[in-house]
Amino acid sequence: MVSQVRTEKYGGIAAASASYVLWGILPVYWKLLQDVPAYEILCHRMSWSLVVTFLLILLLGRQQSLWQVLKEKRTVLVFTLIASLLAVNWFIYIWAVNSGHIIEASLGYFINPLINVLFGMVFFRERLRPVQWIALGFVCCGVLYLTFYYGHFPWIAIVLAVTFALYGLLHKKVALVPLAGLCLESLVLFVPACVFLFYLEIKGSGSFLSGGLARSFLLFGTGVITAVPLLFFGYAANKIPLSTLGLLQYMAPTINLLLGLFVYNESFPRERIIGFTLIWMALLLYVAENLLNRKRLEKQRIFS
């Protein structure tokens, strides 16, 4: 029994790591499609994600729960809003990568956990602990430093962090596994995405039919590279504690950052390093305080 639990735990960690590594190297995939406009890649991603996720749901035999959700008008309305946020997040991320802003995009996902803390306070009236306030203060200082000393407000990072935090916030309203959730989100935008893609192809400016077999395959692959990490993530979420999952999540933006620095040679001057360091300090405080607080609560449970 103990060995089975241990095997499942290690399997969950491996699956979570695989999902975050795949998300981390995603910029490499978008760079392969650099000649395709970001809005067109987004439409292909939405369209093929529906095809791939729906086929996976059929294979896994989970279609019954999907039909049930589609009957609930409120849930469909929430998923329409969720899909809109996801579309904005995906578009900004794809555009940022292919416009030479991978480092700033990675910053968004470093900031995201602290935006979640802020949203918890605003929307759920959660009380912030003193160290969490300090961490948020460091984030504000980092953003202000980048704005006034580096001379560039990190709007890409902020938009990515806020849209993803709102995306997570709305997902709390509907309890649905990630794969089924993505299927519904893709379904909402499938028709407008397909109509737009057909229009581009008829006009002769589309990339799917005129870009060669390799490009067509890569555009189809946007659905696969979207669904596969989610499968790993969904498996991991059921096997390991959320605290472990939360610690592993920083793998993805770290890989993004390293790719931007050492593979795509993006600019990282001293002023930018200082701004990023302030935000990393905030993240370090946040993670350390969370771990210590969790240990303290566990001790209280043991002795109570």
C-alpha atoms as a PDB file:
ATOM      1  CA  MET A   1       0.000   0.000   0.000  1.00  0.00           C
ATOM      2  CA  VAL A   2       2.779   2.420   0.982  1.00  0.00           C
ATOM      3  CA  SER A   3       4.774   1.562  -2.143  1.00  0.00           C
ATOM      4  CA  GLN A   4       1.683   2.147  -4.308  1.00  0.00           C
ATOM      5  CA  VAL A   5       1.109   5.583  -2.765  1.00  0.00           C
ATOM      6  CA  ARG A   6       4.781   6.419  -3.258  1.00  0.00           C
ATOM      7  CA  THR A   7       4.644   5.263  -6.907  1.00  0.00           C
ATOM      8  CA  GLU A   8       1.557   7.389  -7.535  1.00  0.00           C
ATOM      9  CA  LYS A   9       3.232  10.383  -5.889  1.00  0.00           C
ATOM     10  CA  TYR A  10       6.378  10.061  -8.027  1.00  0.00           C
ATOM     11  CA  GLY A  11       4.204   9.478 -11.087  1.00  0.00           C
ATOM     12  CA  GLY A  12       2.269  12.645 -10.266  1.00  0.00           C
ATOM     13  CA  ILE A  13       5.468  14.668  -9.855  1.00  0.00           C
ATOM     14  CA  ALA A  14       6.775  13.320 -13.174  1.00  0.00           C
ATOM     15  CA  ALA A  15       3.485  14.180 -14.917  1.00  0.00           C
ATOM     16  CA  ALA A  16       3.420  17.693 -13.410  1.00  0.00           C
ATOM     17  CA  SER A  17       7.044  18.255 -14.408  1.00  0.00           C
ATOM     18  CA  ALA A  18       6.286  17.063 -17.942  1.00  0.00           C
ATOM     19  CA  SER A  19       3.352  19.483 -18.246  1.00  0.00           C
ATOM     20  CA  TYR A  20       5.384  22.457 -16.999  1.00  0.00           C
ATOM     21  CA  VAL A  21       8.378  21.589 -19.207  1.00  0.00           C
ATOM     22  CA  LEU A  22       6.072  21.410 -22.238  1.00  0.00           C
ATOM     23  CA  TRP A  23       4.552  24.781 -21.322  1.00  0.00           C
ATOM     24  CA  GLY A  24       8.058  26.103 -20.745  1.00  0.00           C
ATOM     25  CA  ILE A  25       9.324  25.183 -24.218  1.00  0.00           C
ATOM     26  CA  LEU A  26       6.129  26.361 -25.932  1.00  0.00           C
ATOM     27  CA  PRO A  27       7.895  29.516 -27.264  1.00  0.00           C
ATOM     28  CA  VAL A  28      10.039  27.249 -29.465  1.00  0.00           C
ATOM     29  CA  TYR A  29       6.852  25.981 -31.135  1.00  0.00           C
ATOM     30  CA  TRP A  30       5.461  29.486 -31.660  1.00  0.00           C
ATOM     31  CA  LYS A  31       8.786  30.583 -33.145  1.00  0.00           C
ATOM     32  CA  LEU A  32       8.385  27.860 -35.796  1.00  0.00           C
ATOM     33  CA  LEU A  33       5.205  29.688 -36.826  1.00  0.00           C
ATOM     34  CA  GLN A  34       6.739  33.152 -36.644  1.00  0.00           C
ATOM     35  CA  ASP A  35       5.653  34.039 -40.202  1.00  0.00           C
ATOM     36  CA  VAL A  36       2.002  33.408 -39.352  1.00  0.00           C
ATOM     37  CA  PRO A  37       0.113  36.331 -37.715  1.00  0.00           C
ATOM     38  CA  ALA A  38      -0.643  35.798 -34.032  1.00  0.00           C
ATOM     39  CA  TYR A  39      -4.410  36.169 -34.551  1.00  0.00           C
ATOM     40  CA  GLU A  40      -4.373  33.399 -37.170  1.00  0.00           C
ATOM     41  CA  ILE A  41      -2.348  31.070 -34.910  1.00  0.00           C
ATOM     42  CA  LEU A  42      -4.868  31.793 -32.136  1.00  0.00           C
ATOM     43  CA  CYS A  43      -7.815  30.810 -34.373  1.00  0.00           C
ATOM     44  CA  HIS A  44      -6.076  27.580 -35.379  1.00  0.00           C
ATOM     45  CA  ARG A  45      -5.254  26.830 -31.758  1.00  0.00           C
ATOM     46  CA  MET A  46      -8.875  27.295 -30.711  1.00  0.00           C
ATOM     47  CA  SER A  47     -10.186  25.221 -33.625  1.00  0.00           C
ATOM     48  CA  TRP A  48      -7.775  22.283 -33.407  1.00  0.00           C
ATOM     49  CA  SER A  49      -7.919  22.270 -29.600  1.00  0.00           C
ATOM     50  CA  LEU A  50     -11.631  21.492 -29.839  1.00  0.00           C
ATOM     51  CA  VAL A  51     -11.007  18.651 -32.296  1.00  0.00           C
ATOM     52  CA  VAL A  52      -8.196  17.108 -30.213  1.00  0.00           C
ATOM     53  CA  THR A  53      -9.851  17.527 -26.789  1.00  0.00           C
ATOM     54  CA  PHE A  54     -13.197  16.197 -28.031  1.00  0.00           C
ATOM     55  CA  LEU A  55     -11.526  13.103 -29.504  1.00  0.00           C
ATOM     56  CA  LEU A  56      -9.665  12.545 -26.213  1.00  0.00           C
ATOM     57  CA  ILE A  57     -12.899  12.900 -24.233  1.00  0.00           C
ATOM     58  CA  LEU A  58     -14.537  10.293 -26.494  1.00  0.00           C
ATOM     59  CA  LEU A  59     -11.560   7.952 -26.070  1.00  0.00           C
ATOM     60  CA  LEU A  60     -11.628   8.370 -22.281  1.00  0.00           C
ATOM     61  CA  GLY A  61     -15.406   7.929 -22.169  1.00  0.00           C
ATOM     62  CA  ARG A  62     -16.104  11.254 -20.453  1.00  0.00           C
ATOM     63  CA  GLN A  63     -18.627  12.652 -22.925  1.00  0.00           C
ATOM     64  CA  GLN A  64     -21.606  12.190 -20.593  1.00  0.00           C
ATOM     65  CA  SER A  65     -20.366  14.817 -18.135  1.00  0.00           C
ATOM     66  CA  LEU A  66     -19.716  17.181 -21.048  1.00  0.00           C
ATOM     67  CA  TRP A  67     -23.312  16.864 -22.352  1.00  0.00           C
ATOM     68  CA  GLN A  68     -24.595  17.479 -18.843  1.00  0.00           C
ATOM     69  CA  VAL A  69     -22.644  20.726 -18.531  1.00  0.00           C
ATOM     70  CA  LEU A  70     -23.856  21.944 -21.940  1.00  0.00           C
ATOM     71  CA  LYS A  71     -27.444  21.789 -20.658  1.00  0.00           C
ATOM     72  CA  GLU A  72     -26.687  24.315 -17.911  1.00  0.00           C
ATOM     73  CA  LYS A  73     -27.133  27.848 -19.287  1.00  0.00           C
ATOM     74  CA  ARG A  74     -25.278  29.528 -16.418  1.00  0.00           C
ATOM     75  CA  THR A  75     -22.235  27.287 -16.899  1.00  0.00           C
ATOM     76  CA  VAL A  76     -22.196  27.932 -20.655  1.00  0.00           C
ATOM     77  CA  LEU A  77     -22.353  31.682 -19.956  1.00  0.00           C
ATOM     78  CA  VAL A  78     -19.435  31.445 -17.500  1.00  0.00           C
ATOM     79  CA  PHE A  79     -17.431  29.431 -20.018  1.00  0.00           C
ATOM     80  CA  THR A  80     -18.085  32.078 -22.679  1.00  0.00           C
ATOM     81  CA  LEU A  81     -16.411  34.617 -20.411  1.00  0.00           C
ATOM     82  CA  ILE A  82     -13.628  32.142 -19.552  1.00  0.00           C
ATOM     83  CA  ALA A  83     -13.005  31.457 -23.251  1.00  0.00           C
ATOM     84  CA  SER A  84     -12.755  35.197 -23.964  1.00  0.00           C
ATOM     85  CA  LEU A  85     -10.124  35.609 -21.231  1.00  0.00           C
ATOM     86  CA  LEU A  86      -8.237  32.583 -22.522  1.00  0.00           C
ATOM     87  CA  ALA A  87      -8.280  33.983 -26.062  1.00  0.00           C
ATOM     88  CA  VAL A  88      -6.805  37.297 -24.862  1.00  0.00           C
ATOM     89  CA  ASN A  89      -4.151  35.459 -22.818  1.00  0.00           C
ATOM     90  CA  TRP A  90      -3.171  33.150 -25.685  1.00  0.00           C
ATOM     91  CA  PHE A  91      -3.091  35.952 -28.237  1.00  0.00           C
ATOM     92  CA  ILE A  92      -0.861  38.202 -26.100  1.00  0.00           C
ATOM     93  CA  TYR A  93       1.465  35.284 -25.298  1.00  0.00           C
ATOM     94  CA  ILE A  94       1.823  34.162 -28.944  1.00  0.00           C
ATOM     95  CA  TRP A  95       2.318  37.748 -30.113  1.00  0.00           C
ATOM     96  CA  ALA A  96       4.851  38.433 -27.339  1.00  0.00           C
ATOM     97  CA  VAL A  97       6.930  35.339 -28.162  1.00  0.00           C
ATOM     98  CA  ASN A  98       7.033  36.037 -31.887  1.00  0.00           C
ATOM     99  CA  SER A  99       7.745  39.745 -31.333  1.00  0.00           C
ATOM    100  CA  GLY A 100      10.816  39.137 -29.178  1.00  0.00           C
ATOM    101  CA  HIS A 101       9.269  39.532 -25.715  1.00  0.00           C
ATOM    102  CA  ILE A 102       9.671  36.031 -24.237  1.00  0.00           C
ATOM    103  CA  ILE A 103      11.398  37.372 -21.103  1.00  0.00           C
ATOM    104  CA  GLU A 104       8.589  39.804 -20.345  1.00  0.00           C
ATOM    105  CA  ALA A 105       5.994  37.079 -21.007  1.00  0.00           C
ATOM    106  CA  SER A 106       7.785  34.842 -18.486  1.00  0.00           C
ATOM    107  CA  LEU A 107       7.541  37.661 -15.928  1.00  0.00           C
ATOM    108  CA  GLY A 108       3.747  37.476 -16.191  1.00  0.00           C
ATOM    109  CA  TYR A 109       3.726  33.905 -14.942  1.00  0.00           C
ATOM    110  CA  PHE A 110       6.136  34.734 -12.120  1.00  0.00           C
ATOM    111  CA  ILE A 111       3.754  37.500 -11.004  1.00  0.00           C
ATOM    112  CA  ASN A 112       0.593  35.423 -11.469  1.00  0.00           C
ATOM    113  CA  PRO A 113       0.578  33.637  -8.044  1.00  0.00           C
ATOM    114  CA  LEU A 114       0.762  36.995  -6.264  1.00  0.00           C
ATOM    115  CA  ILE A 115      -2.068  38.382  -8.401  1.00  0.00           C
ATOM    116  CA  ASN A 116      -4.059  35.328  -7.272  1.00  0.00           C
ATOM    117  CA  VAL A 117      -3.369  36.318  -3.648  1.00  0.00           C
ATOM    118  CA  LEU A 118      -4.568  39.863  -4.379  1.00  0.00           C
ATOM    119  CA  PHE A 119      -7.735  38.543  -6.053  1.00  0.00           C
ATOM    120  CA  GLY A 120      -8.370  36.314  -3.032  1.00  0.00           C
ATOM    121  CA  MET A 121      -8.412  39.434  -0.894  1.00  0.00           C
ATOM    122  CA  VAL A 122     -10.607  41.429  -3.299  1.00  0.00           C
ATOM    123  CA  PHE A 123     -13.150  38.784  -4.342  1.00  0.00           C
ATOM    124  CA  PHE A 124     -13.194  36.345  -1.410  1.00  0.00           C
ATOM    125  CA  ARG A 125     -12.307  38.765   1.425  1.00  0.00           C
ATOM    126  CA  GLU A 126      -9.320  36.631   2.372  1.00  0.00           C
ATOM    127  CA  ARG A 127      -7.058  38.276   4.928  1.00  0.00           C
ATOM    128  CA  LEU A 128      -3.473  38.660   3.820  1.00  0.00           C
ATOM    129  CA  ARG A 129      -0.734  37.729   6.238  1.00  0.00           C
ATOM    130  CA  PRO A 130       2.004  40.347   6.866  1.00  0.00           C
ATOM    131  CA  VAL A 131       4.606  38.596   4.677  1.00  0.00           C
ATOM    132  CA  GLN A 132       2.098  38.399   1.808  1.00  0.00           C
ATOM    133  CA  TRP A 133       1.637  42.185   2.041  1.00  0.00           C
ATOM    134  CA  ILE A 134       5.424  42.590   1.877  1.00  0.00           C
ATOM    135  CA  ALA A 135       5.585  40.282  -1.154  1.00  0.00           C
ATOM    136  CA  LEU A 136       2.919  42.338  -2.953  1.00  0.00           C
ATOM    137  CA  GLY A 137       4.876  45.480  -2.050  1.00  0.00           C
ATOM    138  CA  PHE A 138       7.978  44.030  -3.718  1.00  0.00           C
ATOM    139  CA  VAL A 139       5.949  43.272  -6.865  1.00  0.00           C
ATOM    140  CA  CYS A 140       4.698  46.870  -6.984  1.00  0.00           C
ATOM    141  CA  CYS A 141       8.268  48.143  -6.524  1.00  0.00           C
ATOM    142  CA  GLY A 142       9.490  45.845  -9.306  1.00  0.00           C
ATOM    143  CA  VAL A 143       6.791  47.012 -11.726  1.00  0.00           C
ATOM    144  CA  LEU A 144       7.406  50.688 -10.852  1.00  0.00           C
ATOM    145  CA  TYR A 145      11.166  50.244 -11.265  1.00  0.00           C
ATOM    146  CA  LEU A 146      10.722  48.668 -14.692  1.00  0.00           C
ATOM    147  CA  THR A 147       8.346  51.476 -15.659  1.00  0.00           C
ATOM    148  CA  PHE A 148      10.388  54.488 -14.510  1.00  0.00           C
ATOM    149  CA  TYR A 149      14.010  53.310 -14.545  1.00  0.00           C
ATOM    150  CA  TYR A 150      13.957  50.786 -17.359  1.00  0.00           C
ATOM    151  CA  GLY A 151      11.513  53.096 -19.125  1.00  0.00           C
ATOM    152  CA  HIS A 152       9.001  50.445 -20.094  1.00  0.00           C
ATOM    153  CA  PHE A 153       5.793  49.509 -18.276  1.00  0.00           C
ATOM    154  CA  PRO A 154       5.665  45.676 -18.371  1.00  0.00           C
ATOM    155  CA  TRP A 155       2.161  45.605 -19.838  1.00  0.00           C
ATOM    156  CA  ILE A 156       2.629  42.193 -21.471  1.00  0.00           C
ATOM    157  CA  ALA A 157       3.480  40.623 -18.104  1.00  0.00           C
ATOM    158  CA  ILE A 158       0.627  42.414 -16.328  1.00  0.00           C
ATOM    159  CA  VAL A 159      -2.000  41.476 -18.948  1.00  0.00           C
ATOM    160  CA  LEU A 160      -0.857  37.832 -18.951  1.00  0.00           C
ATOM    161  CA  ALA A 161      -0.836  37.655 -15.141  1.00  0.00           C
ATOM    162  CA  VAL A 162      -4.235  39.342 -14.704  1.00  0.00           C
ATOM    163  CA  THR A 163      -6.057  37.437 -17.482  1.00  0.00           C
ATOM    164  CA  PHE A 164      -4.705  34.103 -16.218  1.00  0.00           C
ATOM    165  CA  ALA A 165      -5.655  34.987 -12.628  1.00  0.00           C
ATOM    166  CA  LEU A 166      -9.192  35.905 -13.754  1.00  0.00           C
ATOM    167  CA  TYR A 167      -9.285  32.683 -15.772  1.00  0.00           C
ATOM    168  CA  GLY A 168      -8.457  30.699 -12.633  1.00  0.00           C
ATOM    169  CA  LEU A 169     -10.929  32.715 -10.577  1.00  0.00           C
ATOM    170  CA  LEU A 170     -13.828  31.906 -12.910  1.00  0.00           C
ATOM    171  CA  HIS A 171     -12.819  28.243 -13.039  1.00  0.00           C
ATOM    172  CA  LYS A 172     -13.531  28.118  -9.300  1.00  0.00           C
ATOM    173  CA  LYS A 173     -17.175  28.768 -10.177  1.00  0.00           C
ATOM    174  CA  VAL A 174     -17.428  25.603 -12.300  1.00  0.00           C
ATOM    175  CA  ALA A 175     -15.945  22.319 -11.126  1.00  0.00           C
ATOM    176  CA  LEU A 176     -14.761  20.668 -14.332  1.00  0.00           C
ATOM    177  CA  VAL A 177     -11.603  18.720 -15.133  1.00  0.00           C
ATOM    178  CA  PRO A 178      -9.054  20.673 -17.255  1.00  0.00           C
ATOM    179  CA  LEU A 179      -9.541  18.604 -20.438  1.00  0.00           C
ATOM    180  CA  ALA A 180     -13.334  18.999 -20.455  1.00  0.00           C
ATOM    181  CA  GLY A 181     -12.930  22.654 -19.521  1.00  0.00           C
ATOM    182  CA  LEU A 182     -10.635  23.331 -22.474  1.00  0.00           C
ATOM    183  CA  CYS A 183     -13.054  21.491 -24.765  1.00  0.00           C
ATOM    184  CA  LEU A 184     -15.894  23.785 -23.685  1.00  0.00           C
ATOM    185  CA  GLU A 185     -13.721  26.890 -23.930  1.00  0.00           C
ATOM    186  CA  SER A 186     -12.651  25.929 -27.443  1.00  0.00           C
ATOM    187  CA  LEU A 187     -16.254  25.142 -28.387  1.00  0.00           C
ATOM    188  CA  VAL A 188     -17.374  28.662 -27.469  1.00  0.00           C
ATOM    189  CA  LEU A 189     -14.929  30.261 -29.917  1.00  0.00           C
ATOM    190  CA  PHE A 190     -14.865  27.453 -32.499  1.00  0.00           C
ATOM    191  CA  VAL A 191     -17.437  28.931 -34.894  1.00  0.00           C
ATOM    192  CA  PRO A 192     -16.017  32.502 -35.096  1.00  0.00           C
ATOM    193  CA  ALA A 193     -12.471  31.087 -35.325  1.00  0.00           C
ATOM    194  CA  CYS A 194     -13.417  28.719 -38.169  1.00  0.00           C
ATOM    195  CA  VAL A 195     -15.383  31.398 -40.036  1.00  0.00           C
ATOM    196  CA  PHE A 196     -12.379  33.717 -39.864  1.00  0.00           C
ATOM    197  CA  LEU A 197      -9.971  30.984 -41.015  1.00  0.00           C
ATOM    198  CA  PHE A 198     -12.240  30.063 -43.950  1.00  0.00           C
ATOM    199  CA  TYR A 199     -12.401  33.749 -44.883  1.00  0.00           C
ATOM    200  CA  LEU A 200      -8.604  33.991 -44.893  1.00  0.00           C
ATOM    201  CA  GLU A 201      -8.258  30.862 -47.052  1.00  0.00           C
ATOM    202  CA  ILE A 202     -10.904  32.047 -49.551  1.00  0.00           C
ATOM    203  CA  LYS A 203      -9.195  35.450 -49.729  1.00  0.00           C
ATOM    204  CA  GLY A 204      -5.880  33.692 -50.407  1.00  0.00           C
ATOM    205  CA  SER A 205      -4.071  35.073 -47.352  1.00  0.00           C
ATOM    206  CA  GLY A 206      -4.481  32.024 -45.112  1.00  0.00           C
ATOM    207  CA  SER A 207      -1.458  30.045 -43.972  1.00  0.00           C
ATOM    208  CA  PHE A 208      -2.950  26.554 -43.727  1.00  0.00           C
ATOM    209  CA  LEU A 209      -3.415  25.694 -47.406  1.00  0.00           C
ATOM    210  CA  SER A 210      -0.802  27.970 -48.967  1.00  0.00           C
ATOM    211  CA  GLY A 211       2.047  27.561 -46.487  1.00  0.00           C
ATOM    212  CA  GLY A 212       3.137  24.050 -47.397  1.00  0.00           C
ATOM    213  CA  LEU A 213       2.688  20.701 -45.670  1.00  0.00           C
ATOM    214  CA  ALA A 214       5.082  21.462 -42.787  1.00  0.00           C
ATOM    215  CA  ARG A 215       3.247  24.650 -41.821  1.00  0.00           C
ATOM    216  CA  SER A 216      -0.158  22.957 -42.108  1.00  0.00           C
ATOM    217  CA  PHE A 217       1.080  20.183 -39.827  1.00  0.00           C
ATOM    218  CA  LEU A 218       2.389  22.741 -37.299  1.00  0.00           C
ATOM    219  CA  LEU A 219      -0.929  24.608 -37.301  1.00  0.00           C
ATOM    220  CA  PHE A 220      -2.817  21.367 -36.722  1.00  0.00           C
ATOM    221  CA  GLY A 221      -0.292  20.579 -33.971  1.00  0.00           C
ATOM    222  CA  THR A 222      -1.394  23.657 -32.000  1.00  0.00           C
ATOM    223  CA  GLY A 223      -4.324  21.560 -30.770  1.00  0.00           C
ATOM    224  CA  VAL A 224      -2.045  18.706 -29.739  1.00  0.00           C
ATOM    225  CA  ILE A 225       0.494  20.864 -27.887  1.00  0.00           C
ATOM    226  CA  THR A 226      -2.411  22.509 -26.055  1.00  0.00           C
ATOM    227  CA  ALA A 227      -4.131  19.284 -24.975  1.00  0.00           C
ATOM    228  CA  VAL A 228      -1.167  17.053 -24.078  1.00  0.00           C
ATOM    229  CA  PRO A 229       0.238  19.192 -21.206  1.00  0.00           C
ATOM    230  CA  LEU A 230      -3.309  19.449 -19.828  1.00  0.00           C
ATOM    231  CA  LEU A 231      -3.576  15.649 -19.739  1.00  0.00           C
ATOM    232  CA  PHE A 232      -0.345  15.456 -17.734  1.00  0.00           C
ATOM    233  CA  PHE A 233      -1.511  18.281 -15.481  1.00  0.00           C
ATOM    234  CA  GLY A 234      -4.924  16.692 -14.888  1.00  0.00           C
ATOM    235  CA  TYR A 235      -3.285  13.400 -13.895  1.00  0.00           C
ATOM    236  CA  ALA A 236      -0.807  15.168 -11.587  1.00  0.00           C
ATOM    237  CA  ALA A 237      -3.521  17.225  -9.875  1.00  0.00           C
ATOM    238  CA  ASN A 238      -5.173  13.997  -8.709  1.00  0.00           C
ATOM    239  CA  LYS A 239      -1.962  12.387  -7.459  1.00  0.00           C
ATOM    240  CA  ILE A 240       0.042  15.055  -5.635  1.00  0.00           C
ATOM    241  CA  PRO A 241      -0.788  17.868  -3.167  1.00  0.00           C
ATOM    242  CA  LEU A 242      -1.617  21.298  -4.576  1.00  0.00           C
ATOM    243  CA  SER A 243       1.345  22.714  -2.626  1.00  0.00           C
ATOM    244  CA  THR A 244       3.733  20.507  -4.631  1.00  0.00           C
ATOM    245  CA  LEU A 245       1.947  21.421  -7.843  1.00  0.00           C
ATOM    246  CA  GLY A 246       2.275  25.104  -6.893  1.00  0.00           C
ATOM    247  CA  LEU A 247       6.033  24.837  -6.369  1.00  0.00           C
ATOM    248  CA  LEU A 248       6.575  23.026  -9.670  1.00  0.00           C
ATOM    249  CA  GLN A 249       4.639  25.689 -11.622  1.00  0.00           C
ATOM    250  CA  TYR A 250       7.665  28.009 -11.631  1.00  0.00           C
ATOM    251  CA  MET A 251       9.448  25.595 -13.969  1.00  0.00           C
ATOM    252  CA  ALA A 252       7.523  26.946 -16.983  1.00  0.00           C
ATOM    253  CA  PRO A 253       8.368  30.687 -16.666  1.00  0.00           C
ATOM    254  CA  THR A 254      11.953  29.793 -15.680  1.00  0.00           C
ATOM    255  CA  ILE A 255      12.370  27.794 -18.908  1.00  0.00           C
ATOM    256  CA  ASN A 256      10.746  30.695 -20.813  1.00  0.00           C
ATOM    257  CA  LEU A 257      13.234  33.116 -19.273  1.00  0.00           C
ATOM    258  CA  LEU A 258      16.234  30.913 -20.109  1.00  0.00           C
ATOM    259  CA  LEU A 259      15.029  30.496 -23.693  1.00  0.00           C
ATOM    260  CA  GLY A 260      14.631  34.254 -24.084  1.00  0.00           C
ATOM    261  CA  LEU A 261      18.093  34.878 -22.645  1.00  0.00           C
ATOM    262  CA  PHE A 262      20.262  32.145 -24.110  1.00  0.00           C
ATOM    263  CA  VAL A 263      18.451  30.882 -27.219  1.00  0.00           C
ATOM    264  CA  TYR A 264      16.775  33.991 -28.619  1.00  0.00           C
ATOM    265  CA  ASN A 265      19.249  36.534 -27.172  1.00  0.00           C
ATOM    266  CA  GLU A 266      16.682  38.991 -25.854  1.00  0.00           C
ATOM    267  CA  SER A 267      17.913  42.128 -24.098  1.00  0.00           C
ATOM    268  CA  PHE A 268      18.370  41.840 -20.308  1.00  0.00           C
ATOM    269  CA  PRO A 269      20.244  44.976 -19.139  1.00  0.00           C
ATOM    270  CA  ARG A 270      21.049  45.883 -15.535  1.00  0.00           C
ATOM    271  CA  GLU A 271      17.890  47.988 -15.050  1.00  0.00           C
ATOM    272  CA  ARG A 272      15.722  45.083 -16.154  1.00  0.00           C
ATOM    273  CA  ILE A 273      17.623  42.652 -13.915  1.00  0.00           C
ATOM    274  CA  ILE A 274      16.921  44.879 -10.874  1.00  0.00           C
ATOM    275  CA  GLY A 275      13.193  45.029 -11.671  1.00  0.00           C
ATOM    276  CA  PHE A 276      13.002  41.262 -12.143  1.00  0.00           C
ATOM    277  CA  THR A 277      15.017  40.661  -8.950  1.00  0.00           C
ATOM    278  CA  LEU A 278      12.498  42.651  -6.890  1.00  0.00           C
ATOM    279  CA  ILE A 279       9.707  40.464  -8.265  1.00  0.00           C
ATOM    280  CA  TRP A 280      11.700  37.250  -7.684  1.00  0.00           C
ATOM    281  CA  MET A 281      12.284  38.372  -4.078  1.00  0.00           C
ATOM    282  CA  ALA A 282       8.520  38.790  -3.720  1.00  0.00           C
ATOM    283  CA  LEU A 283       8.017  35.291  -5.095  1.00  0.00           C
ATOM    284  CA  LEU A 284      10.632  33.824  -2.765  1.00  0.00           C
ATOM    285  CA  LEU A 285       8.976  35.465   0.245  1.00  0.00           C
ATOM    286  CA  TYR A 286       5.570  34.236  -0.868  1.00  0.00           C
ATOM    287  CA  VAL A 287       6.709  30.613  -1.352  1.00  0.00           C
ATOM    288  CA  ALA A 288       8.761  30.484   1.878  1.00  0.00           C
ATOM    289  CA  GLU A 289       5.933  31.997   3.954  1.00  0.00           C
ATOM    290  CA  ASN A 290       3.421  29.562   2.442  1.00  0.00           C
ATOM    291  CA  LEU A 291       5.617  26.574   3.299  1.00  0.00           C
ATOM    292  CA  LEU A 292       6.234  27.770   6.869  1.00  0.00           C
ATOM    293  CA  ASN A 293       2.555  28.540   7.408  1.00  0.00           C
ATOM    294  CA  ARG A 294       1.567  25.093   6.131  1.00  0.00           C
ATOM    295  CA  LYS A 295       4.032  23.397   8.519  1.00  0.00           C
ATOM    296  CA  ARG A 296       2.696  25.485  11.404  1.00  0.00           C
ATOM    297  CA  LEU A 297      -0.901  24.447  10.623  1.00  0.00           C
ATOM    298  CA  GLU A 298       0.115  20.782  10.387  1.00  0.00           C
ATOM    299  CA  LYS A 299       1.769  20.964  13.835  1.00  0.00           C
ATOM    300  CA  GLN A 300      -1.364  22.566  15.260  1.00  0.00           C
ATOM    301  CA  ARG A 301      -3.492  19.721  13.874  1.00  0.00           C
ATOM    302  CA  ILE A 302      -1.158  17.098  15.364  1.00  0.00           C
ATOM    303  CA  PHE A 303      -1.204  18.602  18.864  1.00  0.00           C
ATOM    304  CA  SER A 304      -4.846  19.670  18.893  1.00  0.00           C
END
